[in-house]
Amino acid sequence: MGSNGKPKKQLENKWLIFAKQIIPQNASAIQRQEMRRSYYAGAAAMFELFRDMPEGINEEDGVAIISALQQECIDFLSRIGKDF
């Protein structure tokens, strides 16, 4: 919760940081809109992966799943500019 008693908008805050660092200043409104949609679609997909973990999963298996997701992100980021 924020200091005003309302939930913090953590995804939105990360979006604003991402947008400032990644989207060119001369990007069109459509490009910005598509980037924002893609960002939130990715966040929703990750949330869905966490939500759909098997019920009763033990901590070790949960950590393994999360570590694999993290590695997949790291691998993707390392290929930017090479494959994408």
PDB file of N, CA and C in Angstrom:
ATOM      1  N   MET A   1       0.829  -1.184   0.000  1.00  0.00           N
ATOM      2  CA  MET A   1       0.000   0.000   0.000  1.00  0.00           C
ATOM      3  C   MET A   1       0.872   1.245   0.000  1.00  0.00           C
ATOM      4  N   GLY A   2       0.414   2.230  -0.716  1.00  0.00           N
ATOM      5  CA  GLY A   2       1.116   3.502  -0.733  1.00  0.00           C
ATOM      6  C   GLY A   2       0.799   4.299   0.519  1.00  0.00           C
ATOM      7  N   SER A   3       1.452   5.417   0.660  1.00  0.00           N
ATOM      8  CA  SER A   3       1.247   6.251   1.846  1.00  0.00           C
ATOM      9  C   SER A   3      -0.170   6.833   1.902  1.00  0.00           C
ATOM     10  N   ASN A   4      -0.872   6.846   0.756  1.00  0.00           N
ATOM     11  CA  ASN A   4      -2.243   7.361   0.721  1.00  0.00           C
ATOM     12  C   ASN A   4      -3.280   6.276   0.990  1.00  0.00           C
ATOM     13  N   GLY A   5      -2.841   5.061   1.326  1.00  0.00           N
ATOM     14  CA  GLY A   5      -3.750   3.969   1.610  1.00  0.00           C
ATOM     15  C   GLY A   5      -4.220   3.212   0.390  1.00  0.00           C
ATOM     16  N   LYS A   6      -3.830   3.663  -0.803  1.00  0.00           N
ATOM     17  CA  LYS A   6      -4.204   2.988  -2.047  1.00  0.00           C
ATOM     18  C   LYS A   6      -3.076   2.045  -2.458  1.00  0.00           C
ATOM     19  N   PRO A   7      -3.432   0.965  -3.145  1.00  0.00           N
ATOM     20  CA  PRO A   7      -2.379   0.060  -3.619  1.00  0.00           C
ATOM     21  C   PRO A   7      -1.430   0.778  -4.575  1.00  0.00           C
ATOM     22  N   LYS A   8      -0.138   0.463  -4.471  1.00  0.00           N
ATOM     23  CA  LYS A   8       0.835   1.020  -5.402  1.00  0.00           C
ATOM     24  C   LYS A   8       0.621   0.398  -6.770  1.00  0.00           C
ATOM     25  N   LYS A   9       0.806   1.183  -7.777  1.00  0.00           N
ATOM     26  CA  LYS A   9       0.696   0.679  -9.148  1.00  0.00           C
ATOM     27  C   LYS A   9       2.103   0.309  -9.615  1.00  0.00           C
ATOM     28  N   GLN A  10       2.568  -0.848  -9.161  1.00  0.00           N
ATOM     29  CA  GLN A  10       3.932  -1.263  -9.421  1.00  0.00           C
ATOM     30  C   GLN A  10       4.190  -1.549 -10.897  1.00  0.00           C
ATOM     31  N   LEU A  11       3.262  -2.197 -11.567  1.00  0.00           N
ATOM     32  CA  LEU A  11       3.442  -2.454 -12.994  1.00  0.00           C
ATOM     33  C   LEU A  11       3.479  -1.147 -13.777  1.00  0.00           C
ATOM     34  N   GLU A  12       2.611  -0.235 -13.430  1.00  0.00           N
ATOM     35  CA  GLU A  12       2.592   1.052 -14.121  1.00  0.00           C
ATOM     36  C   GLU A  12       3.898   1.805 -13.884  1.00  0.00           C
ATOM     37  N   ASN A  13       4.395   1.766 -12.658  1.00  0.00           N
ATOM     38  CA  ASN A  13       5.663   2.441 -12.366  1.00  0.00           C
ATOM     39  C   ASN A  13       6.797   1.831 -13.186  1.00  0.00           C
ATOM     40  N   LYS A  14       6.839   0.507 -13.290  1.00  0.00           N
ATOM     41  CA  LYS A  14       7.866  -0.154 -14.105  1.00  0.00           C
ATOM     42  C   LYS A  14       7.674   0.178 -15.581  1.00  0.00           C
ATOM     43  N   TRP A  15       6.418   0.278 -16.023  1.00  0.00           N
ATOM     44  CA  TRP A  15       6.148   0.661 -17.411  1.00  0.00           C
ATOM     45  C   TRP A  15       6.722   2.045 -17.694  1.00  0.00           C
ATOM     46  N   LEU A  16       6.499   2.986 -16.814  1.00  0.00           N
ATOM     47  CA  LEU A  16       6.979   4.351 -17.031  1.00  0.00           C
ATOM     48  C   LEU A  16       8.500   4.388 -17.127  1.00  0.00           C
ATOM     49  N   ILE A  17       9.169   3.606 -16.291  1.00  0.00           N
ATOM     50  CA  ILE A  17      10.634   3.522 -16.345  1.00  0.00           C
ATOM     51  C   ILE A  17      11.059   2.901 -17.676  1.00  0.00           C
ATOM     52  N   PHE A  18      10.428   1.795 -18.036  1.00  0.00           N
ATOM     53  CA  PHE A  18      10.728   1.106 -19.292  1.00  0.00           C
ATOM     54  C   PHE A  18      10.523   2.049 -20.473  1.00  0.00           C
ATOM     55  N   ALA A  19       9.374   2.691 -20.516  1.00  0.00           N
ATOM     56  CA  ALA A  19       9.046   3.571 -21.642  1.00  0.00           C
ATOM     57  C   ALA A  19      10.069   4.699 -21.779  1.00  0.00           C
ATOM     58  N   LYS A  20      10.452   5.267 -20.667  1.00  0.00           N
ATOM     59  CA  LYS A  20      11.418   6.378 -20.690  1.00  0.00           C
ATOM     60  C   LYS A  20      12.777   5.916 -21.219  1.00  0.00           C
ATOM     61  N   GLN A  21      13.176   4.710 -20.857  1.00  0.00           N
ATOM     62  CA  GLN A  21      14.491   4.206 -21.249  1.00  0.00           C
ATOM     63  C   GLN A  21      14.525   3.607 -22.645  1.00  0.00           C
ATOM     64  N   ILE A  22      13.409   3.077 -23.118  1.00  0.00           N
ATOM     65  CA  ILE A  22      13.416   2.277 -24.345  1.00  0.00           C
ATOM     66  C   ILE A  22      12.754   2.951 -25.543  1.00  0.00           C
ATOM     67  N   ILE A  23      11.637   3.600 -25.330  1.00  0.00           N
ATOM     68  CA  ILE A  23      10.889   4.135 -26.471  1.00  0.00           C
ATOM     69  C   ILE A  23      11.515   5.445 -26.930  1.00  0.00           C
ATOM     70  N   PRO A  24      11.854   5.538 -28.213  1.00  0.00           N
ATOM     71  CA  PRO A  24      12.435   6.788 -28.721  1.00  0.00           C
ATOM     72  C   PRO A  24      11.470   7.959 -28.552  1.00  0.00           C
ATOM     73  N   GLN A  25      12.017   9.133 -28.313  1.00  0.00           N
ATOM     74  CA  GLN A  25      11.168  10.312 -28.114  1.00  0.00           C
ATOM     75  C   GLN A  25      10.322  10.618 -29.337  1.00  0.00           C
ATOM     76  N   ASN A  26      10.826  10.270 -30.522  1.00  0.00           N
ATOM     77  CA  ASN A  26      10.077  10.558 -31.745  1.00  0.00           C
ATOM     78  C   ASN A  26       9.146   9.414 -32.160  1.00  0.00           C
ATOM     79  N   ALA A  27       8.922   8.446 -31.253  1.00  0.00           N
ATOM     80  CA  ALA A  27       8.021   7.334 -31.560  1.00  0.00           C
ATOM     81  C   ALA A  27       6.604   7.846 -31.758  1.00  0.00           C
ATOM     82  N   SER A  28       5.909   7.218 -32.667  1.00  0.00           N
ATOM     83  CA  SER A  28       4.521   7.618 -32.928  1.00  0.00           C
ATOM     84  C   SER A  28       3.620   7.184 -31.771  1.00  0.00           C
ATOM     85  N   ALA A  29       2.450   7.763 -31.722  1.00  0.00           N
ATOM     86  CA  ALA A  29       1.472   7.400 -30.688  1.00  0.00           C
ATOM     87  C   ALA A  29       1.086   5.922 -30.823  1.00  0.00           C
ATOM     88  N   ILE A  30       0.991   5.444 -32.056  1.00  0.00           N
ATOM     89  CA  ILE A  30       0.634   4.038 -32.272  1.00  0.00           C
ATOM     90  C   ILE A  30       1.743   3.130 -31.765  1.00  0.00           C
ATOM     91  N   GLN A  31       3.005   3.494 -32.024  1.00  0.00           N
ATOM     92  CA  GLN A  31       4.116   2.686 -31.532  1.00  0.00           C
ATOM     93  C   GLN A  31       4.106   2.645 -30.007  1.00  0.00           C
ATOM     94  N   ARG A  32       3.873   3.787 -29.370  1.00  0.00           N
ATOM     95  CA  ARG A  32       3.804   3.825 -27.900  1.00  0.00           C
ATOM     96  C   ARG A  32       2.664   2.946 -27.392  1.00  0.00           C
ATOM     97  N   GLN A  33       1.512   3.032 -28.065  1.00  0.00           N
ATOM     98  CA  GLN A  33       0.362   2.227 -27.664  1.00  0.00           C
ATOM     99  C   GLN A  33       0.670   0.737 -27.796  1.00  0.00           C
ATOM    100  N   GLU A  34       1.274   0.340 -28.906  1.00  0.00           N
ATOM    101  CA  GLU A  34       1.604  -1.069 -29.117  1.00  0.00           C
ATOM    102  C   GLU A  34       2.663  -1.546 -28.127  1.00  0.00           C
ATOM    103  N   MET A  35       3.617  -0.704 -27.805  1.00  0.00           N
ATOM    104  CA  MET A  35       4.638  -1.063 -26.816  1.00  0.00           C
ATOM    105  C   MET A  35       3.989  -1.272 -25.444  1.00  0.00           C
ATOM    106  N   ARG A  36       3.061  -0.372 -25.088  1.00  0.00           N
ATOM    107  CA  ARG A  36       2.398  -0.503 -23.791  1.00  0.00           C
ATOM    108  C   ARG A  36       1.540  -1.764 -23.742  1.00  0.00           C
ATOM    109  N   ARG A  37       0.831  -2.039 -24.808  1.00  0.00           N
ATOM    110  CA  ARG A  37       0.028  -3.267 -24.864  1.00  0.00           C
ATOM    111  C   ARG A  37       0.922  -4.500 -24.731  1.00  0.00           C
ATOM    112  N   SER A  38       2.048  -4.493 -25.418  1.00  0.00           N
ATOM    113  CA  SER A  38       2.978  -5.621 -25.351  1.00  0.00           C
ATOM    114  C   SER A  38       3.536  -5.785 -23.943  1.00  0.00           C
ATOM    115  N   TYR A  39       3.885  -4.678 -23.315  1.00  0.00           N
ATOM    116  CA  TYR A  39       4.415  -4.711 -21.951  1.00  0.00           C
ATOM    117  C   TYR A  39       3.408  -5.359 -21.006  1.00  0.00           C
ATOM    118  N   TYR A  40       2.179  -4.880 -21.041  1.00  0.00           N
ATOM    119  CA  TYR A  40       1.163  -5.417 -20.132  1.00  0.00           C
ATOM    120  C   TYR A  40       0.774  -6.852 -20.495  1.00  0.00           C
ATOM    121  N   ALA A  41       0.823  -7.198 -21.773  1.00  0.00           N
ATOM    122  CA  ALA A  41       0.554  -8.591 -22.163  1.00  0.00           C
ATOM    123  C   ALA A  41       1.627  -9.510 -21.582  1.00  0.00           C
ATOM    124  N   GLY A  42       2.869  -9.064 -21.606  1.00  0.00           N
ATOM    125  CA  GLY A  42       3.947  -9.850 -21.014  1.00  0.00           C
ATOM    126  C   GLY A  42       3.783 -10.003 -19.516  1.00  0.00           C
ATOM    127  N   ALA A  43       3.408  -8.909 -18.865  1.00  0.00           N
ATOM    128  CA  ALA A  43       3.188  -8.961 -17.415  1.00  0.00           C
ATOM    129  C   ALA A  43       2.028  -9.902 -17.089  1.00  0.00           C
ATOM    130  N   ALA A  44       0.971  -9.843 -17.883  1.00  0.00           N
ATOM    131  CA  ALA A  44      -0.184 -10.712 -17.658  1.00  0.00           C
ATOM    132  C   ALA A  44       0.188 -12.177 -17.878  1.00  0.00           C
ATOM    133  N   ALA A  45       1.012 -12.441 -18.891  1.00  0.00           N
ATOM    134  CA  ALA A  45       1.443 -13.816 -19.156  1.00  0.00           C
ATOM    135  C   ALA A  45       2.265 -14.357 -17.993  1.00  0.00           C
ATOM    136  N   MET A  46       3.152 -13.536 -17.453  1.00  0.00           N
ATOM    137  CA  MET A  46       3.978 -13.972 -16.324  1.00  0.00           C
ATOM    138  C   MET A  46       3.085 -14.227 -15.100  1.00  0.00           C
ATOM    139  N   PHE A  47       2.141 -13.347 -14.845  1.00  0.00           N
ATOM    140  CA  PHE A  47       1.221 -13.536 -13.734  1.00  0.00           C
ATOM    141  C   PHE A  47       0.446 -14.841 -13.898  1.00  0.00           C
ATOM    142  N   GLU A  48       0.014 -15.106 -15.126  1.00  0.00           N
ATOM    143  CA  GLU A  48      -0.739 -16.330 -15.405  1.00  0.00           C
ATOM    144  C   GLU A  48       0.121 -17.569 -15.144  1.00  0.00           C
ATOM    145  N   LEU A  49       1.397 -17.509 -15.515  1.00  0.00           N
ATOM    146  CA  LEU A  49       2.300 -18.630 -15.259  1.00  0.00           C
ATOM    147  C   LEU A  49       2.425 -18.900 -13.760  1.00  0.00           C
ATOM    148  N   PHE A  50       2.537 -17.838 -12.974  1.00  0.00           N
ATOM    149  CA  PHE A  50       2.635 -18.004 -11.517  1.00  0.00           C
ATOM    150  C   PHE A  50       1.320 -18.535 -10.948  1.00  0.00           C
ATOM    151  N   ARG A  51       0.214 -17.978 -11.415  1.00  0.00           N
ATOM    152  CA  ARG A  51      -1.107 -18.380 -10.925  1.00  0.00           C
ATOM    153  C   ARG A  51      -1.407 -19.839 -11.238  1.00  0.00           C
ATOM    154  N   ASP A  52      -0.915 -20.299 -12.381  1.00  0.00           N
ATOM    155  CA  ASP A  52      -1.239 -21.656 -12.828  1.00  0.00           C
ATOM    156  C   ASP A  52      -0.232 -22.704 -12.378  1.00  0.00           C
ATOM    157  N   MET A  53       0.637 -22.351 -11.436  1.00  0.00           N
ATOM    158  CA  MET A  53       1.546 -23.369 -10.898  1.00  0.00           C
ATOM    159  C   MET A  53       0.696 -24.455 -10.249  1.00  0.00           C
ATOM    160  N   PRO A  54       1.186 -25.674 -10.317  1.00  0.00           N
ATOM    161  CA  PRO A  54       0.408 -26.781  -9.744  1.00  0.00           C
ATOM    162  C   PRO A  54       0.074 -26.540  -8.266  1.00  0.00           C
ATOM    163  N   GLU A  55      -1.146 -26.886  -7.902  1.00  0.00           N
ATOM    164  CA  GLU A  55      -1.571 -26.743  -6.508  1.00  0.00           C
ATOM    165  C   GLU A  55      -0.751 -27.686  -5.633  1.00  0.00           C
ATOM    166  N   GLY A  56      -0.340 -27.221  -4.506  1.00  0.00           N
ATOM    167  CA  GLY A  56       0.417 -28.042  -3.576  1.00  0.00           C
ATOM    168  C   GLY A  56       1.873 -28.233  -3.967  1.00  0.00           C
ATOM    169  N   ILE A  57       2.362 -27.433  -4.897  1.00  0.00           N
ATOM    170  CA  ILE A  57       3.752 -27.555  -5.332  1.00  0.00           C
ATOM    171  C   ILE A  57       4.686 -27.296  -4.156  1.00  0.00           C
ATOM    172  N   ASN A  58       5.760 -28.059  -4.084  1.00  0.00           N
ATOM    173  CA  ASN A  58       6.691 -27.817  -2.985  1.00  0.00           C
ATOM    174  C   ASN A  58       7.623 -26.664  -3.345  1.00  0.00           C
ATOM    175  N   GLU A  59       8.268 -26.132  -2.327  1.00  0.00           N
ATOM    176  CA  GLU A  59       9.107 -24.942  -2.511  1.00  0.00           C
ATOM    177  C   GLU A  59      10.228 -25.181  -3.517  1.00  0.00           C
ATOM    178  N   GLU A  60      10.846 -26.334  -3.449  1.00  0.00           N
ATOM    179  CA  GLU A  60      11.970 -26.644  -4.354  1.00  0.00           C
ATOM    180  C   GLU A  60      11.527 -26.613  -5.822  1.00  0.00           C
ATOM    181  N   ASP A  61      10.375 -27.215  -6.099  1.00  0.00           N
ATOM    182  CA  ASP A  61       9.873 -27.225  -7.474  1.00  0.00           C
ATOM    183  C   ASP A  61       9.433 -25.828  -7.908  1.00  0.00           C
ATOM    184  N   GLY A  62       8.839 -25.077  -6.993  1.00  0.00           N
ATOM    185  CA  GLY A  62       8.443 -23.700  -7.291  1.00  0.00           C
ATOM    186  C   GLY A  62       9.643 -22.840  -7.635  1.00  0.00           C
ATOM    187  N   VAL A  63      10.701 -22.985  -6.856  1.00  0.00           N
ATOM    188  CA  VAL A  63      11.934 -22.236  -7.116  1.00  0.00           C
ATOM    189  C   VAL A  63      12.510 -22.637  -8.474  1.00  0.00           C
ATOM    190  N   ALA A  64      12.455 -23.916  -8.805  1.00  0.00           N
ATOM    191  CA  ALA A  64      12.975 -24.396 -10.094  1.00  0.00           C
ATOM    192  C   ALA A  64      12.194 -23.777 -11.253  1.00  0.00           C
ATOM    193  N   ILE A  65      10.880 -23.703 -11.124  1.00  0.00           N
ATOM    194  CA  ILE A  65      10.050 -23.106 -12.173  1.00  0.00           C
ATOM    195  C   ILE A  65      10.376 -21.632 -12.329  1.00  0.00           C
ATOM    196  N   ILE A  66      10.439 -20.910 -11.214  1.00  0.00           N
ATOM    197  CA  ILE A  66      10.730 -19.479 -11.272  1.00  0.00           C
ATOM    198  C   ILE A  66      12.138 -19.239 -11.814  1.00  0.00           C
ATOM    199  N   SER A  67      13.096 -20.066 -11.414  1.00  0.00           N
ATOM    200  CA  SER A  67      14.468 -19.935 -11.929  1.00  0.00           C
ATOM    201  C   SER A  67      14.514 -20.169 -13.436  1.00  0.00           C
ATOM    202  N   ALA A  68      13.744 -21.126 -13.921  1.00  0.00           N
ATOM    203  CA  ALA A  68      13.706 -21.392 -15.364  1.00  0.00           C
ATOM    204  C   ALA A  68      13.104 -20.207 -16.114  1.00  0.00           C
ATOM    205  N   LEU A  69      12.058 -19.598 -15.561  1.00  0.00           N
ATOM    206  CA  LEU A  69      11.466 -18.413 -16.178  1.00  0.00           C
ATOM    207  C   LEU A  69      12.473 -17.263 -16.192  1.00  0.00           C
ATOM    208  N   GLN A  70      13.175 -17.083 -15.088  1.00  0.00           N
ATOM    209  CA  GLN A  70      14.191 -16.038 -15.012  1.00  0.00           C
ATOM    210  C   GLN A  70      15.283 -16.279 -16.049  1.00  0.00           C
ATOM    211  N   GLN A  71      15.731 -17.515 -16.188  1.00  0.00           N
ATOM    212  CA  GLN A  71      16.779 -17.835 -17.155  1.00  0.00           C
ATOM    213  C   GLN A  71      16.302 -17.581 -18.577  1.00  0.00           C
ATOM    214  N   GLU A  72      15.032 -17.896 -18.836  1.00  0.00           N
ATOM    215  CA  GLU A  72      14.476 -17.646 -20.170  1.00  0.00           C
ATOM    216  C   GLU A  72      14.510 -16.152 -20.489  1.00  0.00           C
ATOM    217  N   CYS A  73      14.205 -15.321 -19.506  1.00  0.00           N
ATOM    218  CA  CYS A  73      14.274 -13.864 -19.700  1.00  0.00           C
ATOM    219  C   CYS A  73      15.714 -13.411 -19.923  1.00  0.00           C
ATOM    220  N   ILE A  74      16.627 -13.933 -19.139  1.00  0.00           N
ATOM    221  CA  ILE A  74      18.047 -13.588 -19.281  1.00  0.00           C
ATOM    222  C   ILE A  74      18.538 -13.987 -20.668  1.00  0.00           C
ATOM    223  N   ASP A  75      18.184 -15.187 -21.110  1.00  0.00           N
ATOM    224  CA  ASP A  75      18.597 -15.660 -22.429  1.00  0.00           C
ATOM    225  C   ASP A  75      18.051 -14.754 -23.533  1.00  0.00           C
ATOM    226  N   PHE A  76      16.798 -14.361 -23.410  1.00  0.00           N
ATOM    227  CA  PHE A  76      16.202 -13.461 -24.399  1.00  0.00           C
ATOM    228  C   PHE A  76      16.952 -12.141 -24.439  1.00  0.00           C
ATOM    229  N   LEU A  77      17.171 -11.553 -23.275  1.00  0.00           N
ATOM    230  CA  LEU A  77      17.855 -10.255 -23.224  1.00  0.00           C
ATOM    231  C   LEU A  77      19.257 -10.337 -23.817  1.00  0.00           C
ATOM    232  N   SER A  78      19.919 -11.461 -23.640  1.00  0.00           N
ATOM    233  CA  SER A  78      21.281 -11.603 -24.177  1.00  0.00           C
ATOM    234  C   SER A  78      21.278 -11.708 -25.703  1.00  0.00           C
ATOM    235  N   ARG A  79      20.136 -12.053 -26.298  1.00  0.00           N
ATOM    236  CA  ARG A  79      20.051 -12.197 -27.756  1.00  0.00           C
ATOM    237  C   ARG A  79      19.543 -10.948 -28.465  1.00  0.00           C
ATOM    238  N   ILE A  80      19.150  -9.946 -27.708  1.00  0.00           N
ATOM    239  CA  ILE A  80      18.666  -8.706 -28.338  1.00  0.00           C
ATOM    240  C   ILE A  80      19.803  -8.102 -29.150  1.00  0.00           C
ATOM    241  N   GLY A  81      19.504  -7.769 -30.364  1.00  0.00           N
ATOM    242  CA  GLY A  81      20.513  -7.215 -31.264  1.00  0.00           C
ATOM    243  C   GLY A  81      21.227  -8.294 -32.057  1.00  0.00           C
ATOM    244  N   LYS A  82      21.082  -9.534 -31.675  1.00  0.00           N
ATOM    245  CA  LYS A  82      21.689 -10.654 -32.403  1.00  0.00           C
ATOM    246  C   LYS A  82      20.615 -11.379 -33.198  1.00  0.00           C
ATOM    247  N   ASP A  83      19.619 -11.876 -32.499  1.00  0.00           N
ATOM    248  CA  ASP A  83      18.537 -12.633 -33.136  1.00  0.00           C
ATOM    249  C   ASP A  83      17.285 -11.802 -33.367  1.00  0.00           C
ATOM    250  N   PHE A  84      17.159 -10.719 -32.617  1.00  0.00           N
ATOM    251  CA  PHE A  84      15.928  -9.912 -32.678  1.00  0.00           C
ATOM    252  C   PHE A  84      16.272  -8.482 -33.028  1.00  0.00           C
TER     253      PHE A  84
END
